[in-house]
Amino acid sequence: MKMSRAKVDYLYDVMDAAYDAGPIYEVRKSLGHVPLIDKNPQGKEVVPMAPHEAIRYNERTVVERFNSHIKEEFGADNVMVRGARKVKMHSMFGVLVLFADHLIKLAT
């Protein structure tokens, strides 16, 4: 957290339920960040996020689904070329195929 803060200015810390702990909230707030952490019920009643926080949190999950999908199904986790241009080209092929996959799903 502190290393990231030294390199980048940001306002929100978006995390999943594994990070739902009091000390994490305290450190985030002491750094001047807004913690957006999914609630872990742990046998208790879960208080839902405020609507504006839920919208920001859902943006994170969309990005994670995209990254997961392109890695697991379209080869981004196993690039066998060298050089930034070639890696970028292979990654863009994966994005193109992912786009085509979603178009086909949309059409059916």
PDB file of N, CA and C in Angstrom:
ATOM      1  N   MET A   1       0.829  -1.185   0.000  1.00  0.00           N
ATOM      2  CA  MET A   1       0.000   0.000   0.000  1.00  0.00           C
ATOM      3  C   MET A   1       0.872   1.246   0.000  1.00  0.00           C
ATOM      4  N   LYS A   2       1.861   1.239   0.855  1.00  0.00           N
ATOM      5  CA  LYS A   2       2.700   2.427   0.984  1.00  0.00           C
ATOM      6  C   LYS A   2       3.610   2.579  -0.227  1.00  0.00           C
ATOM      7  N   MET A   3       4.078   1.471  -0.796  1.00  0.00           N
ATOM      8  CA  MET A   3       4.907   1.551  -1.991  1.00  0.00           C
ATOM      9  C   MET A   3       4.098   2.078  -3.173  1.00  0.00           C
ATOM     10  N   SER A   4       2.867   1.606  -3.314  1.00  0.00           N
ATOM     11  CA  SER A   4       2.009   2.087  -4.403  1.00  0.00           C
ATOM     12  C   SER A   4       1.729   3.567  -4.253  1.00  0.00           C
ATOM     13  N   ARG A   5       1.492   3.986  -3.034  1.00  0.00           N
ATOM     14  CA  ARG A   5       1.202   5.398  -2.770  1.00  0.00           C
ATOM     15  C   ARG A   5       2.383   6.280  -3.138  1.00  0.00           C
ATOM     16  N   ALA A   6       3.596   5.776  -2.944  1.00  0.00           N
ATOM     17  CA  ALA A   6       4.786   6.552  -3.280  1.00  0.00           C
ATOM     18  C   ALA A   6       4.948   6.717  -4.791  1.00  0.00           C
ATOM     19  N   LYS A   7       4.411   5.782  -5.571  1.00  0.00           N
ATOM     20  CA  LYS A   7       4.580   5.816  -7.022  1.00  0.00           C
ATOM     21  C   LYS A   7       3.410   6.456  -7.753  1.00  0.00           C
ATOM     22  N   VAL A   8       2.184   6.302  -7.214  1.00  0.00           N
ATOM     23  CA  VAL A   8       0.982   6.731  -7.920  1.00  0.00           C
ATOM     24  C   VAL A   8       0.054   7.445  -6.949  1.00  0.00           C
ATOM     25  N   ASP A   9      -0.593   8.494  -7.434  1.00  0.00           N
ATOM     26  CA  ASP A   9      -1.627   9.156  -6.642  1.00  0.00           C
ATOM     27  C   ASP A   9      -2.970   8.531  -6.988  1.00  0.00           C
ATOM     28  N   TYR A  10      -3.655   7.997  -6.003  1.00  0.00           N
ATOM     29  CA  TYR A  10      -4.972   7.420  -6.230  1.00  0.00           C
ATOM     30  C   TYR A  10      -5.827   7.614  -4.990  1.00  0.00           C
ATOM     31  N   LEU A  11      -7.136   7.508  -5.168  1.00  0.00           N
ATOM     32  CA  LEU A  11      -8.066   7.814  -4.085  1.00  0.00           C
ATOM     33  C   LEU A  11      -8.765   6.589  -3.514  1.00  0.00           C
ATOM     34  N   TYR A  12      -8.980   5.567  -4.349  1.00  0.00           N
ATOM     35  CA  TYR A  12      -9.775   4.412  -3.928  1.00  0.00           C
ATOM     36  C   TYR A  12      -8.917   3.165  -3.852  1.00  0.00           C
ATOM     37  N   ASP A  13      -9.180   2.352  -2.846  1.00  0.00           N
ATOM     38  CA  ASP A  13      -8.587   1.028  -2.733  1.00  0.00           C
ATOM     39  C   ASP A  13      -9.721   0.027  -2.889  1.00  0.00           C
ATOM     40  N   VAL A  14      -9.724  -0.689  -3.994  1.00  0.00           N
ATOM     41  CA  VAL A  14     -10.805  -1.624  -4.298  1.00  0.00           C
ATOM     42  C   VAL A  14     -10.282  -3.036  -4.102  1.00  0.00           C
ATOM     43  N   MET A  15     -10.948  -3.789  -3.190  1.00  0.00           N
ATOM     44  CA  MET A  15     -10.476  -5.132  -2.840  1.00  0.00           C
ATOM     45  C   MET A  15     -11.649  -6.077  -2.659  1.00  0.00           C
ATOM     46  N   ASP A  16     -11.342  -7.376  -2.688  1.00  0.00           N
ATOM     47  CA  ASP A  16     -12.398  -8.357  -2.466  1.00  0.00           C
ATOM     48  C   ASP A  16     -12.566  -8.640  -0.971  1.00  0.00           C
ATOM     49  N   ALA A  17     -13.448  -9.576  -0.660  1.00  0.00           N
ATOM     50  CA  ALA A  17     -13.843  -9.828   0.732  1.00  0.00           C
ATOM     51  C   ALA A  17     -12.706 -10.368   1.606  1.00  0.00           C
ATOM     52  N   ALA A  18     -11.662 -10.896   1.009  1.00  0.00           N
ATOM     53  CA  ALA A  18     -10.547 -11.419   1.802  1.00  0.00           C
ATOM     54  C   ALA A  18      -9.838 -10.309   2.582  1.00  0.00           C
ATOM     55  N   TYR A  19      -9.988  -9.067   2.148  1.00  0.00           N
ATOM     56  CA  TYR A  19      -9.326  -7.935   2.797  1.00  0.00           C
ATOM     57  C   TYR A  19     -10.239  -7.178   3.749  1.00  0.00           C
ATOM     58  N   ASP A  20     -11.372  -7.760   4.097  1.00  0.00           N
ATOM     59  CA  ASP A  20     -12.329  -7.112   4.997  1.00  0.00           C
ATOM     60  C   ASP A  20     -11.870  -7.305   6.438  1.00  0.00           C
ATOM     61  N   ALA A  21     -10.996  -6.409   6.885  1.00  0.00           N
ATOM     62  CA  ALA A  21     -10.462  -6.469   8.256  1.00  0.00           C
ATOM     63  C   ALA A  21     -10.231  -5.049   8.756  1.00  0.00           C
ATOM     64  N   GLY A  22     -10.451  -4.856  10.036  1.00  0.00           N
ATOM     65  CA  GLY A  22     -10.318  -3.536  10.644  1.00  0.00           C
ATOM     66  C   GLY A  22      -8.983  -2.854  10.419  1.00  0.00           C
ATOM     67  N   PRO A  23      -7.850  -3.550  10.646  1.00  0.00           N
ATOM     68  CA  PRO A  23      -6.558  -2.882  10.449  1.00  0.00           C
ATOM     69  C   PRO A  23      -6.349  -2.380   9.018  1.00  0.00           C
ATOM     70  N   ILE A  24      -6.873  -3.108   8.044  1.00  0.00           N
ATOM     71  CA  ILE A  24      -6.724  -2.679   6.652  1.00  0.00           C
ATOM     72  C   ILE A  24      -7.498  -1.384   6.422  1.00  0.00           C
ATOM     73  N   TYR A  25      -8.715  -1.306   6.960  1.00  0.00           N
ATOM     74  CA  TYR A  25      -9.497  -0.075   6.833  1.00  0.00           C
ATOM     75  C   TYR A  25      -8.756   1.102   7.469  1.00  0.00           C
ATOM     76  N   GLU A  26      -8.180   0.872   8.628  1.00  0.00           N
ATOM     77  CA  GLU A  26      -7.485   1.949   9.338  1.00  0.00           C
ATOM     78  C   GLU A  26      -6.286   2.469   8.551  1.00  0.00           C
ATOM     79  N   VAL A  27      -5.486   1.557   8.003  1.00  0.00           N
ATOM     80  CA  VAL A  27      -4.309   1.969   7.238  1.00  0.00           C
ATOM     81  C   VAL A  27      -4.737   2.728   5.991  1.00  0.00           C
ATOM     82  N   ARG A  28      -5.763   2.239   5.322  1.00  0.00           N
ATOM     83  CA  ARG A  28      -6.251   2.907   4.105  1.00  0.00           C
ATOM     84  C   ARG A  28      -6.715   4.321   4.404  1.00  0.00           C
ATOM     85  N   LYS A  29      -7.476   4.466   5.457  1.00  0.00           N
ATOM     86  CA  LYS A  29      -7.982   5.796   5.804  1.00  0.00           C
ATOM     87  C   LYS A  29      -6.857   6.713   6.263  1.00  0.00           C
ATOM     88  N   SER A  30      -5.846   6.167   6.957  1.00  0.00           N
ATOM     89  CA  SER A  30      -4.716   6.999   7.386  1.00  0.00           C
ATOM     90  C   SER A  30      -3.903   7.491   6.188  1.00  0.00           C
ATOM     91  N   LEU A  31      -3.924   6.738   5.081  1.00  0.00           N
ATOM     92  CA  LEU A  31      -3.239   7.157   3.862  1.00  0.00           C
ATOM     93  C   LEU A  31      -4.077   8.129   3.038  1.00  0.00           C
ATOM     94  N   GLY A  32      -5.314   8.379   3.484  1.00  0.00           N
ATOM     95  CA  GLY A  32      -6.189   9.299   2.768  1.00  0.00           C
ATOM     96  C   GLY A  32      -6.944   8.655   1.622  1.00  0.00           C
ATOM     97  N   HIS A  33      -7.073   7.329   1.641  1.00  0.00           N
ATOM     98  CA  HIS A  33      -7.784   6.606   0.586  1.00  0.00           C
ATOM     99  C   HIS A  33      -9.171   6.199   1.059  1.00  0.00           C
ATOM    100  N   VAL A  34     -10.047   5.963   0.102  1.00  0.00           N
ATOM    101  CA  VAL A  34     -11.383   5.452   0.404  1.00  0.00           C
ATOM    102  C   VAL A  34     -11.357   3.947   0.170  1.00  0.00           C
ATOM    103  N   PRO A  35     -11.509   3.129   1.218  1.00  0.00           N
ATOM    104  CA  PRO A  35     -11.488   1.676   1.009  1.00  0.00           C
ATOM    105  C   PRO A  35     -12.833   1.176   0.489  1.00  0.00           C
ATOM    106  N   LEU A  36     -12.822   0.545  -0.675  1.00  0.00           N
ATOM    107  CA  LEU A  36     -14.006  -0.107  -1.230  1.00  0.00           C
ATOM    108  C   LEU A  36     -13.745  -1.605  -1.169  1.00  0.00           C
ATOM    109  N   ILE A  37     -14.158  -2.205  -0.078  1.00  0.00           N
ATOM    110  CA  ILE A  37     -13.867  -3.613   0.167  1.00  0.00           C
ATOM    111  C   ILE A  37     -15.182  -4.360   0.298  1.00  0.00           C
ATOM    112  N   ASP A  38     -15.321  -5.451  -0.480  1.00  0.00           N
ATOM    113  CA  ASP A  38     -16.510  -6.277  -0.395  1.00  0.00           C
ATOM    114  C   ASP A  38     -16.616  -6.843   1.017  1.00  0.00           C
ATOM    115  N   LYS A  39     -17.800  -6.898   1.548  1.00  0.00           N
ATOM    116  CA  LYS A  39     -17.990  -7.344   2.921  1.00  0.00           C
ATOM    117  C   LYS A  39     -17.939  -8.866   3.010  1.00  0.00           C
ATOM    118  N   ASN A  40     -17.222  -9.358   4.004  1.00  0.00           N
ATOM    119  CA  ASN A  40     -17.145 -10.780   4.303  1.00  0.00           C
ATOM    120  C   ASN A  40     -18.109 -11.049   5.455  1.00  0.00           C
ATOM    121  N   PRO A  41     -19.156 -11.848   5.243  1.00  0.00           N
ATOM    122  CA  PRO A  41     -20.186 -11.992   6.276  1.00  0.00           C
ATOM    123  C   PRO A  41     -19.680 -12.587   7.584  1.00  0.00           C
ATOM    124  N   GLN A  42     -18.799 -13.562   7.557  1.00  0.00           N
ATOM    125  CA  GLN A  42     -18.246 -14.203   8.755  1.00  0.00           C
ATOM    126  C   GLN A  42     -19.322 -14.481   9.803  1.00  0.00           C
ATOM    127  N   GLY A  43     -20.471 -14.944   9.349  1.00  0.00           N
ATOM    128  CA  GLY A  43     -21.553 -15.296  10.267  1.00  0.00           C
ATOM    129  C   GLY A  43     -22.344 -14.116  10.787  1.00  0.00           C
ATOM    130  N   LYS A  44     -22.055 -12.920  10.288  1.00  0.00           N
ATOM    131  CA  LYS A  44     -22.765 -11.729  10.730  1.00  0.00           C
ATOM    132  C   LYS A  44     -23.622 -11.193   9.593  1.00  0.00           C
ATOM    133  N   GLU A  45     -24.470 -10.233   9.937  1.00  0.00           N
ATOM    134  CA  GLU A  45     -25.278  -9.578   8.915  1.00  0.00           C
ATOM    135  C   GLU A  45     -24.381  -8.638   8.115  1.00  0.00           C
ATOM    136  N   VAL A  46     -24.525  -8.668   6.799  1.00  0.00           N
ATOM    137  CA  VAL A  46     -23.690  -7.857   5.923  1.00  0.00           C
ATOM    138  C   VAL A  46     -24.392  -6.537   5.632  1.00  0.00           C
ATOM    139  N   VAL A  47     -23.693  -5.457   5.877  1.00  0.00           N
ATOM    140  CA  VAL A  47     -24.203  -4.132   5.545  1.00  0.00           C
ATOM    141  C   VAL A  47     -23.808  -3.847   4.098  1.00  0.00           C
ATOM    142  N   PRO A  48     -24.784  -3.572   3.217  1.00  0.00           N
ATOM    143  CA  PRO A  48     -24.420  -3.346   1.813  1.00  0.00           C
ATOM    144  C   PRO A  48     -23.643  -2.042   1.624  1.00  0.00           C
ATOM    145  N   MET A  49     -22.902  -1.996   0.530  1.00  0.00           N
ATOM    146  CA  MET A  49     -22.154  -0.786   0.185  1.00  0.00           C
ATOM    147  C   MET A  49     -23.127   0.318  -0.216  1.00  0.00           C
ATOM    148  N   ALA A  50     -22.670   1.535  -0.097  1.00  0.00           N
ATOM    149  CA  ALA A  50     -23.443   2.665  -0.609  1.00  0.00           C
ATOM    150  C   ALA A  50     -23.531   2.526  -2.134  1.00  0.00           C
ATOM    151  N   PRO A  51     -24.606   3.014  -2.744  1.00  0.00           N
ATOM    152  CA  PRO A  51     -24.765   2.834  -4.201  1.00  0.00           C
ATOM    153  C   PRO A  51     -23.594   3.356  -5.031  1.00  0.00           C
ATOM    154  N   HIS A  52     -23.045   4.510  -4.697  1.00  0.00           N
ATOM    155  CA  HIS A  52     -21.928   5.040  -5.491  1.00  0.00           C
ATOM    156  C   HIS A  52     -20.669   4.188  -5.303  1.00  0.00           C
ATOM    157  N   GLU A  53     -20.483   3.606  -4.132  1.00  0.00           N
ATOM    158  CA  GLU A  53     -19.344   2.716  -3.916  1.00  0.00           C
ATOM    159  C   GLU A  53     -19.534   1.397  -4.655  1.00  0.00           C
ATOM    160  N   ALA A  54     -20.757   0.899  -4.703  1.00  0.00           N
ATOM    161  CA  ALA A  54     -21.044  -0.355  -5.408  1.00  0.00           C
ATOM    162  C   ALA A  54     -20.765  -0.210  -6.903  1.00  0.00           C
ATOM    163  N   ILE A  55     -21.071   0.946  -7.466  1.00  0.00           N
ATOM    164  CA  ILE A  55     -20.804   1.171  -8.892  1.00  0.00           C
ATOM    165  C   ILE A  55     -19.302   1.113  -9.151  1.00  0.00           C
ATOM    166  N   ARG A  56     -18.513   1.774  -8.313  1.00  0.00           N
ATOM    167  CA  ARG A  56     -17.054   1.734  -8.481  1.00  0.00           C
ATOM    168  C   ARG A  56     -16.510   0.323  -8.284  1.00  0.00           C
ATOM    169  N   TYR A  57     -17.062  -0.403  -7.315  1.00  0.00           N
ATOM    170  CA  TYR A  57     -16.603  -1.763  -7.060  1.00  0.00           C
ATOM    171  C   TYR A  57     -16.924  -2.665  -8.254  1.00  0.00           C
ATOM    172  N   ASN A  58     -18.085  -2.507  -8.852  1.00  0.00           N
ATOM    173  CA  ASN A  58     -18.467  -3.340  -9.998  1.00  0.00           C
ATOM    174  C   ASN A  58     -17.597  -3.075 -11.213  1.00  0.00           C
ATOM    175  N   GLU A  59     -17.068  -1.862 -11.354  1.00  0.00           N
ATOM    176  CA  GLU A  59     -16.127  -1.591 -12.443  1.00  0.00           C
ATOM    177  C   GLU A  59     -14.895  -2.475 -12.300  1.00  0.00           C
ATOM    178  N   ARG A  60     -14.457  -2.702 -11.103  1.00  0.00           N
ATOM    179  CA  ARG A  60     -13.312  -3.564 -10.837  1.00  0.00           C
ATOM    180  C   ARG A  60     -13.606  -4.992 -11.260  1.00  0.00           C
ATOM    181  N   THR A  61     -14.792  -5.492 -10.939  1.00  0.00           N
ATOM    182  CA  THR A  61     -15.095  -6.879 -11.257  1.00  0.00           C
ATOM    183  C   THR A  61     -15.201  -7.095 -12.760  1.00  0.00           C
ATOM    184  N   VAL A  62     -15.643  -6.101 -13.510  1.00  0.00           N
ATOM    185  CA  VAL A  62     -15.699  -6.220 -14.969  1.00  0.00           C
ATOM    186  C   VAL A  62     -14.293  -6.370 -15.530  1.00  0.00           C
ATOM    187  N   VAL A  63     -13.374  -5.562 -15.038  1.00  0.00           N
ATOM    188  CA  VAL A  63     -11.991  -5.629 -15.503  1.00  0.00           C
ATOM    189  C   VAL A  63     -11.381  -6.973 -15.138  1.00  0.00           C
ATOM    190  N   GLU A  64     -11.638  -7.456 -13.940  1.00  0.00           N
ATOM    191  CA  GLU A  64     -11.087  -8.751 -13.536  1.00  0.00           C
ATOM    192  C   GLU A  64     -11.654  -9.893 -14.367  1.00  0.00           C
ATOM    193  N   ARG A  65     -12.940  -9.824 -14.703  1.00  0.00           N
ATOM    194  CA  ARG A  65     -13.518 -10.869 -15.559  1.00  0.00           C
ATOM    195  C   ARG A  65     -12.872 -10.860 -16.929  1.00  0.00           C
ATOM    196  N   PHE A  66     -12.649  -9.667 -17.484  1.00  0.00           N
ATOM    197  CA  PHE A  66     -11.999  -9.563 -18.791  1.00  0.00           C
ATOM    198  C   PHE A  66     -10.595 -10.154 -18.730  1.00  0.00           C
ATOM    199  N   ASN A  67      -9.810  -9.742 -17.739  1.00  0.00           N
ATOM    200  CA  ASN A  67      -8.435 -10.248 -17.621  1.00  0.00           C
ATOM    201  C   ASN A  67      -8.411 -11.759 -17.450  1.00  0.00           C
ATOM    202  N   SER A  68      -9.285 -12.277 -16.622  1.00  0.00           N
ATOM    203  CA  SER A  68      -9.352 -13.716 -16.404  1.00  0.00           C
ATOM    204  C   SER A  68      -9.727 -14.445 -17.685  1.00  0.00           C
ATOM    205  N   HIS A  69     -10.715 -13.918 -18.384  1.00  0.00           N
ATOM    206  CA  HIS A  69     -11.208 -14.557 -19.614  1.00  0.00           C
ATOM    207  C   HIS A  69     -10.116 -14.581 -20.688  1.00  0.00           C
ATOM    208  N   ILE A  70      -9.430 -13.472 -20.862  1.00  0.00           N
ATOM    209  CA  ILE A  70      -8.405 -13.426 -21.911  1.00  0.00           C
ATOM    210  C   ILE A  70      -7.200 -14.301 -21.547  1.00  0.00           C
ATOM    211  N   LYS A  71      -6.894 -14.436 -20.262  1.00  0.00           N
ATOM    212  CA  LYS A  71      -5.785 -15.290 -19.856  1.00  0.00           C
ATOM    213  C   LYS A  71      -6.134 -16.767 -20.000  1.00  0.00           C
ATOM    214  N   GLU A  72      -7.306 -17.157 -19.519  1.00  0.00           N
ATOM    215  CA  GLU A  72      -7.653 -18.572 -19.475  1.00  0.00           C
ATOM    216  C   GLU A  72      -8.063 -19.140 -20.823  1.00  0.00           C
ATOM    217  N   GLU A  73      -8.709 -18.351 -21.663  1.00  0.00           N
ATOM    218  CA  GLU A  73      -9.266 -18.912 -22.888  1.00  0.00           C
ATOM    219  C   GLU A  73      -8.613 -18.424 -24.165  1.00  0.00           C
ATOM    220  N   PHE A  74      -7.873 -17.318 -24.109  1.00  0.00           N
ATOM    221  CA  PHE A  74      -7.342 -16.745 -25.338  1.00  0.00           C
ATOM    222  C   PHE A  74      -5.837 -16.520 -25.310  1.00  0.00           C
ATOM    223  N   GLY A  75      -5.130 -17.283 -24.496  1.00  0.00           N
ATOM    224  CA  GLY A  75      -3.691 -17.388 -24.579  1.00  0.00           C
ATOM    225  C   GLY A  75      -2.827 -16.310 -23.964  1.00  0.00           C
ATOM    226  N   ALA A  76      -3.382 -15.396 -23.194  1.00  0.00           N
ATOM    227  CA  ALA A  76      -2.544 -14.330 -22.651  1.00  0.00           C
ATOM    228  C   ALA A  76      -1.656 -14.806 -21.499  1.00  0.00           C
ATOM    229  N   ASP A  77      -1.927 -15.972 -20.950  1.00  0.00           N
ATOM    230  CA  ASP A  77      -1.101 -16.456 -19.850  1.00  0.00           C
ATOM    231  C   ASP A  77       0.124 -17.230 -20.331  1.00  0.00           C
ATOM    232  N   ASN A  78       0.198 -17.513 -21.629  1.00  0.00           N
ATOM    233  CA  ASN A  78       1.296 -18.324 -22.141  1.00  0.00           C
ATOM    234  C   ASN A  78       1.787 -17.746 -23.471  1.00  0.00           C
ATOM    235  N   VAL A  79       2.418 -16.605 -23.434  1.00  0.00           N
ATOM    236  CA  VAL A  79       2.932 -15.968 -24.643  1.00  0.00           C
ATOM    237  C   VAL A  79       4.339 -16.510 -24.895  1.00  0.00           C
ATOM    238  N   MET A  80       4.551 -17.056 -26.079  1.00  0.00           N
ATOM    239  CA  MET A  80       5.816 -17.726 -26.393  1.00  0.00           C
ATOM    240  C   MET A  80       6.646 -16.943 -27.408  1.00  0.00           C
ATOM    241  N   VAL A  81       6.601 -15.613 -27.341  1.00  0.00           N
ATOM    242  CA  VAL A  81       7.402 -14.781 -28.232  1.00  0.00           C
ATOM    243  C   VAL A  81       8.204 -13.798 -27.396  1.00  0.00           C
ATOM    244  N   ARG A  82       9.209 -13.208 -28.019  1.00  0.00           N
ATOM    245  CA  ARG A  82      10.015 -12.203 -27.342  1.00  0.00           C
ATOM    246  C   ARG A  82       9.818 -10.858 -28.024  1.00  0.00           C
ATOM    247  N   GLY A  83       9.975  -9.811 -27.237  1.00  0.00           N
ATOM    248  CA  GLY A  83       9.872  -8.467 -27.789  1.00  0.00           C
ATOM    249  C   GLY A  83       8.512  -7.867 -27.489  1.00  0.00           C
ATOM    250  N   ALA A  84       8.531  -6.616 -27.103  1.00  0.00           N
ATOM    251  CA  ALA A  84       7.297  -5.944 -26.700  1.00  0.00           C
ATOM    252  C   ALA A  84       6.287  -5.869 -27.840  1.00  0.00           C
ATOM    253  N   ARG A  85       6.758  -5.610 -29.055  1.00  0.00           N
ATOM    254  CA  ARG A  85       5.820  -5.492 -30.190  1.00  0.00           C
ATOM    255  C   ARG A  85       5.135  -6.826 -30.473  1.00  0.00           C
ATOM    256  N   LYS A  86       5.887  -7.924 -30.411  1.00  0.00           N
ATOM    257  CA  LYS A  86       5.297  -9.236 -30.676  1.00  0.00           C
ATOM    258  C   LYS A  86       4.328  -9.635 -29.567  1.00  0.00           C
ATOM    259  N   VAL A  87       4.692  -9.362 -28.325  1.00  0.00           N
ATOM    260  CA  VAL A  87       3.796  -9.669 -27.208  1.00  0.00           C
ATOM    261  C   VAL A  87       2.519  -8.864 -27.335  1.00  0.00           C
ATOM    262  N   LYS A  88       2.655  -7.590 -27.673  1.00  0.00           N
ATOM    263  CA  LYS A  88       1.468  -6.745 -27.861  1.00  0.00           C
ATOM    264  C   LYS A  88       0.605  -7.288 -28.987  1.00  0.00           C
ATOM    265  N   MET A  89       1.207  -7.715 -30.089  1.00  0.00           N
ATOM    266  CA  MET A  89       0.451  -8.252 -31.212  1.00  0.00           C
ATOM    267  C   MET A  89      -0.321  -9.505 -30.792  1.00  0.00           C
ATOM    268  N   HIS A  90       0.322 -10.405 -30.075  1.00  0.00           N
ATOM    269  CA  HIS A  90      -0.358 -11.617 -29.620  1.00  0.00           C
ATOM    270  C   HIS A  90      -1.485 -11.272 -28.651  1.00  0.00           C
ATOM    271  N   SER A  91      -1.253 -10.309 -27.782  1.00  0.00           N
ATOM    272  CA  SER A  91      -2.301  -9.889 -26.846  1.00  0.00           C
ATOM    273  C   SER A  91      -3.486  -9.287 -27.584  1.00  0.00           C
ATOM    274  N   MET A  92      -3.220  -8.491 -28.605  1.00  0.00           N
ATOM    275  CA  MET A  92      -4.305  -7.886 -29.376  1.00  0.00           C
ATOM    276  C   MET A  92      -5.067  -8.929 -30.178  1.00  0.00           C
ATOM    277  N   PHE A  93      -4.382  -9.986 -30.642  1.00  0.00           N
ATOM    278  CA  PHE A  93      -5.102 -11.095 -31.274  1.00  0.00           C
ATOM    279  C   PHE A  93      -6.094 -11.708 -30.289  1.00  0.00           C
ATOM    280  N   GLY A  94      -5.642 -11.882 -29.043  1.00  0.00           N
ATOM    281  CA  GLY A  94      -6.537 -12.406 -28.013  1.00  0.00           C
ATOM    282  C   GLY A  94      -7.722 -11.498 -27.776  1.00  0.00           C
ATOM    283  N   VAL A  95      -7.487 -10.184 -27.737  1.00  0.00           N
ATOM    284  CA  VAL A  95      -8.587  -9.228 -27.544  1.00  0.00           C
ATOM    285  C   VAL A  95      -9.545  -9.289 -28.724  1.00  0.00           C
ATOM    286  N   LEU A  96      -9.005  -9.399 -29.937  1.00  0.00           N
ATOM    287  CA  LEU A  96      -9.842  -9.492 -31.133  1.00  0.00           C
ATOM    288  C   LEU A  96     -10.713 -10.744 -31.099  1.00  0.00           C
ATOM    289  N   VAL A  97     -10.133 -11.867 -30.736  1.00  0.00           N
ATOM    290  CA  VAL A  97     -10.899 -13.116 -30.660  1.00  0.00           C
ATOM    291  C   VAL A  97     -11.934 -13.039 -29.532  1.00  0.00           C
ATOM    292  N   LEU A  98     -11.583 -12.428 -28.423  1.00  0.00           N
ATOM    293  CA  LEU A  98     -12.541 -12.239 -27.336  1.00  0.00           C
ATOM    294  C   LEU A  98     -13.715 -11.386 -27.790  1.00  0.00           C
ATOM    295  N   PHE A  99     -13.434 -10.325 -28.548  1.00  0.00           N
ATOM    296  CA  PHE A  99     -14.489  -9.479 -29.088  1.00  0.00           C
ATOM    297  C   PHE A  99     -15.389 -10.284 -30.016  1.00  0.00           C
ATOM    298  N   ALA A 100     -14.789 -11.091 -30.907  1.00  0.00           N
ATOM    299  CA  ALA A 100     -15.574 -11.925 -31.818  1.00  0.00           C
ATOM    300  C   ALA A 100     -16.415 -12.931 -31.037  1.00  0.00           C
ATOM    301  N   ASP A 101     -15.847 -13.494 -29.989  1.00  0.00           N
ATOM    302  CA  ASP A 101     -16.586 -14.434 -29.145  1.00  0.00           C
ATOM    303  C   ASP A 101     -17.826 -13.783 -28.536  1.00  0.00           C
ATOM    304  N   HIS A 102     -17.665 -12.555 -28.048  1.00  0.00           N
ATOM    305  CA  HIS A 102     -18.817 -11.847 -27.463  1.00  0.00           C
ATOM    306  C   HIS A 102     -19.844 -11.456 -28.518  1.00  0.00           C
ATOM    307  N   LEU A 103     -19.384 -11.127 -29.743  1.00  0.00           N
ATOM    308  CA  LEU A 103     -20.331 -10.832 -30.818  1.00  0.00           C
ATOM    309  C   LEU A 103     -21.160 -12.058 -31.171  1.00  0.00           C
ATOM    310  N   ILE A 104     -20.518 -13.197 -31.222  1.00  0.00           N
ATOM    311  CA  ILE A 104     -21.236 -14.440 -31.541  1.00  0.00           C
ATOM    312  C   ILE A 104     -22.254 -14.750 -30.446  1.00  0.00           C
ATOM    313  N   LYS A 105     -21.863 -14.584 -29.200  1.00  0.00           N
ATOM    314  CA  LYS A 105     -22.801 -14.817 -28.089  1.00  0.00           C
ATOM    315  C   LYS A 105     -23.954 -13.841 -28.131  1.00  0.00           C
ATOM    316  N   LEU A 106     -23.678 -12.599 -28.543  1.00  0.00           N
ATOM    317  CA  LEU A 106     -24.722 -11.576 -28.621  1.00  0.00           C
ATOM    318  C   LEU A 106     -25.705 -11.898 -29.732  1.00  0.00           C
ATOM    319  N   ALA A 107     -25.199 -12.461 -30.845  1.00  0.00           N
ATOM    320  CA  ALA A 107     -26.049 -12.767 -31.991  1.00  0.00           C
ATOM    321  C   ALA A 107     -26.951 -13.963 -31.740  1.00  0.00           C
ATOM    322  N   THR A 108     -26.557 -14.864 -30.853  1.00  0.00           N
ATOM    323  CA  THR A 108     -27.371 -16.070 -30.612  1.00  0.00           C
ATOM    324  C   THR A 108     -28.346 -15.879 -29.504  1.00  0.00           C
TER     325      THR A 108
END
